[in-house]
C-alpha atoms as a PDB file:
ATOM      1  CA  MET A   1      63.762 118.445 159.618  1.00  0.00           C
ATOM      2  CA  SER A   2      66.552 117.855 157.138  1.00  0.00           C
ATOM      3  CA  ARG A   3      68.471 114.577 156.860  1.00  0.00           C
ATOM      4  CA  ALA A   4      71.848 113.863 158.301  1.00  0.00           C
ATOM      5  CA  ALA A   5      74.730 115.411 156.383  1.00  0.00           C
ATOM      6  CA  ARG A   6      76.575 113.054 153.847  1.00  0.00           C
ATOM      7  CA  PRO A   7      80.281 113.297 153.048  1.00  0.00           C
ATOM      8  CA  SER A   8      79.439 114.984 149.857  1.00  0.00           C
ATOM      9  CA  ASP A   9      77.680 117.705 151.886  1.00  0.00           C
ATOM     10  CA  ARG A  10      80.764 118.220 153.983  1.00  0.00           C
ATOM     11  CA  ARG A  11      82.944 118.352 150.888  1.00  0.00           C
ATOM     12  CA  ARG A  12      80.848 121.252 149.669  1.00  0.00           C
ATOM     13  CA  ASP A  13      81.179 122.973 153.049  1.00  0.00           C
ATOM     14  CA  LEU A  14      84.894 122.594 152.776  1.00  0.00           C
ATOM     15  CA  VAL A  15      85.042 123.988 149.270  1.00  0.00           C
ATOM     16  CA  ALA A  16      83.042 126.996 150.464  1.00  0.00           C
ATOM     17  CA  LEU A  17      85.335 127.485 153.360  1.00  0.00           C
ATOM     18  CA  GLY A  18      88.451 127.110 151.296  1.00  0.00           C
ATOM     19  CA  LEU A  19      87.226 129.738 148.797  1.00  0.00           C
ATOM     20  CA  VAL A  20      86.471 132.191 151.612  1.00  0.00           C
ATOM     21  CA  LEU A  21      89.751 131.724 153.295  1.00  0.00           C
ATOM     22  CA  ILE A  22      91.682 132.117 149.977  1.00  0.00           C
ATOM     23  CA  GLY A  23      89.763 135.321 149.202  1.00  0.00           C
ATOM     24  CA  ALA A  24      90.364 136.558 152.737  1.00  0.00           C
ATOM     25  CA  GLY A  25      94.117 135.790 152.512  1.00  0.00           C
ATOM     26  CA  LEU A  26      94.252 137.646 149.133  1.00  0.00           C
ATOM     27  CA  MET A  27      92.403 140.662 150.562  1.00  0.00           C
ATOM     28  CA  LEU A  28      94.633 140.824 153.697  1.00  0.00           C
ATOM     29  CA  HIS A  29      97.880 140.488 151.493  1.00  0.00           C
ATOM     30  CA  SER A  30      96.530 143.520 149.327  1.00  0.00           C
ATOM     31  CA  HIS A  31      95.555 145.558 152.389  1.00  0.00           C
ATOM     32  CA  PHE A  32      99.028 145.143 154.077  1.00  0.00           C
ATOM     33  CA  GLY A  33     100.739 145.745 150.612  1.00  0.00           C
ATOM     34  CA  MET A  34      98.859 148.977 150.125  1.00  0.00           C
ATOM     35  CA  ARG A  35      99.519 150.039 153.662  1.00  0.00           C
ATOM     36  CA  ASP A  36     103.302 149.432 153.245  1.00  0.00           C
ATOM     37  CA  LEU A  37     103.107 151.195 149.803  1.00  0.00           C
ATOM     38  CA  ALA A  38     101.427 154.328 151.331  1.00  0.00           C
ATOM     39  CA  ALA A  39     103.996 154.325 154.163  1.00  0.00           C
ATOM     40  CA  GLY A  40     106.929 154.128 151.896  1.00  0.00           C
ATOM     41  CA  ARG A  41     108.178 150.705 153.197  1.00  0.00           C
ATOM     42  CA  VAL A  42     108.007 149.041 149.781  1.00  0.00           C
ATOM     43  CA  THR A  43     111.200 148.650 147.663  1.00  0.00           C
ATOM     44  CA  LEU A  44     110.266 149.096 143.987  1.00  0.00           C
ATOM     45  CA  ALA A  45     112.289 147.714 141.075  1.00  0.00           C
ATOM     46  CA  GLU A  46     114.173 150.126 138.901  1.00  0.00           C
ATOM     47  CA  GLY A  47     111.822 151.951 136.702  1.00  0.00           C
ATOM     48  CA  GLU A  48     108.733 150.578 138.518  1.00  0.00           C
ATOM     49  CA  TRP A  49     105.954 153.101 139.394  1.00  0.00           C
ATOM     50  CA  ARG A  50     104.129 153.106 142.657  1.00  0.00           C
ATOM     51  CA  MET A  51     100.765 153.338 140.768  1.00  0.00           C
ATOM     52  CA  ASN A  52     101.587 149.945 138.935  1.00  0.00           C
ATOM     53  CA  ARG A  53     102.188 148.323 142.344  1.00  0.00           C
ATOM     54  CA  TYR A  54      98.987 149.841 143.689  1.00  0.00           C
ATOM     55  CA  ASN A  55      97.045 148.523 140.729  1.00  0.00           C
ATOM     56  CA  SER A  56      98.432 145.072 141.385  1.00  0.00           C
ATOM     57  CA  TYR A  57      97.324 145.142 144.951  1.00  0.00           C
ATOM     58  CA  SER A  58      93.920 146.591 143.993  1.00  0.00           C
ATOM     59  CA  THR A  59      93.349 143.750 141.427  1.00  0.00           C
ATOM     60  CA  ARG A  60      94.336 141.210 143.988  1.00  0.00           C
ATOM     61  CA  SER A  61      91.839 142.600 146.375  1.00  0.00           C
ATOM     62  CA  ARG A  62      89.131 142.426 143.828  1.00  0.00           C
ATOM     63  CA  VAL A  63      89.997 138.846 142.995  1.00  0.00           C
ATOM     64  CA  GLY A  64      89.884 137.987 146.791  1.00  0.00           C
ATOM     65  CA  GLY A  65      86.428 139.560 146.925  1.00  0.00           C
ATOM     66  CA  ALA A  66      85.357 137.336 144.049  1.00  0.00           C
ATOM     67  CA  PHE A  67      86.676 134.298 145.859  1.00  0.00           C
ATOM     68  CA  ILE A  68      84.715 135.265 148.904  1.00  0.00           C
ATOM     69  CA  ALA A  69      81.564 135.712 146.951  1.00  0.00           C
ATOM     70  CA  ALA A  70      82.069 132.367 145.276  1.00  0.00           C
ATOM     71  CA  GLY A  71      82.453 130.794 148.655  1.00  0.00           C
ATOM     72  CA  ALA A  72      79.292 132.354 149.871  1.00  0.00           C
ATOM     73  CA  ILE A  73      77.450 131.111 146.768  1.00  0.00           C
ATOM     74  CA  VAL A  74      78.740 127.582 147.295  1.00  0.00           C
ATOM     75  CA  ALA A  75      77.710 127.729 150.989  1.00  0.00           C
ATOM     76  CA  VAL A  76      74.212 128.883 150.122  1.00  0.00           C
ATOM     77  CA  TRP A  77      73.971 126.048 147.453  1.00  0.00           C
ATOM     78  CA  ALA A  78      75.185 123.543 149.943  1.00  0.00           C
ATOM     79  CA  LEU A  79      72.679 124.568 152.440  1.00  0.00           C
ATOM     80  CA  VAL A  80      69.749 124.437 149.958  1.00  0.00           C
ATOM     81  CA  ARG A  81      71.000 121.125 148.853  1.00  0.00           C
ATOM     82  CA  LEU A  82      71.018 119.842 152.349  1.00  0.00           C
ATOM     83  CA  GLN A  83      67.545 121.145 153.158  1.00  0.00           C
ATOM     84  CA  THR A  84      65.754 120.231 149.870  1.00  0.00           C
ATOM     85  CA  ASP A  85      67.260 116.782 149.213  1.00  0.00           C
ATOM     86  CA  ARG A  86      65.071 114.739 151.469  1.00  0.00           C
ATOM     87  CA  THR A  87      65.473 111.095 150.902  1.00  0.00           C
ATOM     88  CA  PRO A  88      63.068 108.909 152.741  1.00  0.00           C
ATOM     89  CA  GLU A  89      64.618 107.044 155.615  1.00  0.00           C
ATOM     90  CA  PRO A  90      64.374 103.270 155.380  1.00  0.00           C
ATOM     91  CA  HIS A  91      61.219 101.967 157.024  1.00  0.00           C
ATOM     92  CA  ALA A  92      59.790 105.429 157.246  1.00  0.00           C
ATOM     93  CA  GLU A  93      56.370 104.098 156.051  1.00  0.00           C
ATOM     94  CA  GLU A  94      56.254 101.487 158.821  1.00  0.00           C
ATOM     95  CA  ASN A  95      56.534 104.106 161.552  1.00  0.00           C
ATOM     96  CA  ARG A  96      53.614 106.211 160.414  1.00  0.00           C
ATOM     97  CA  PRO A  97      50.591 106.214 162.770  1.00  0.00           C
END
């Protein structure tokens, strides 16, 4: 059995969740941007090419995927830390049979 979670464990969980949410937001933004670009609902600046805008959305999507991967790595690290960092409870030796 692992120990009770400390505030530092919860902070690691929040960092992991934040990274995943930022990554998901970036990927959703790029998805909707590419969809609107394909449907012709995007107003381009004078002289701007559609491919440049597509590349921008594509890069944003890859960065979002990297944020999600980083969040997953932090979550696994937090879980491993929680399960392997077993500090003895006070008076644990007294309760042994």
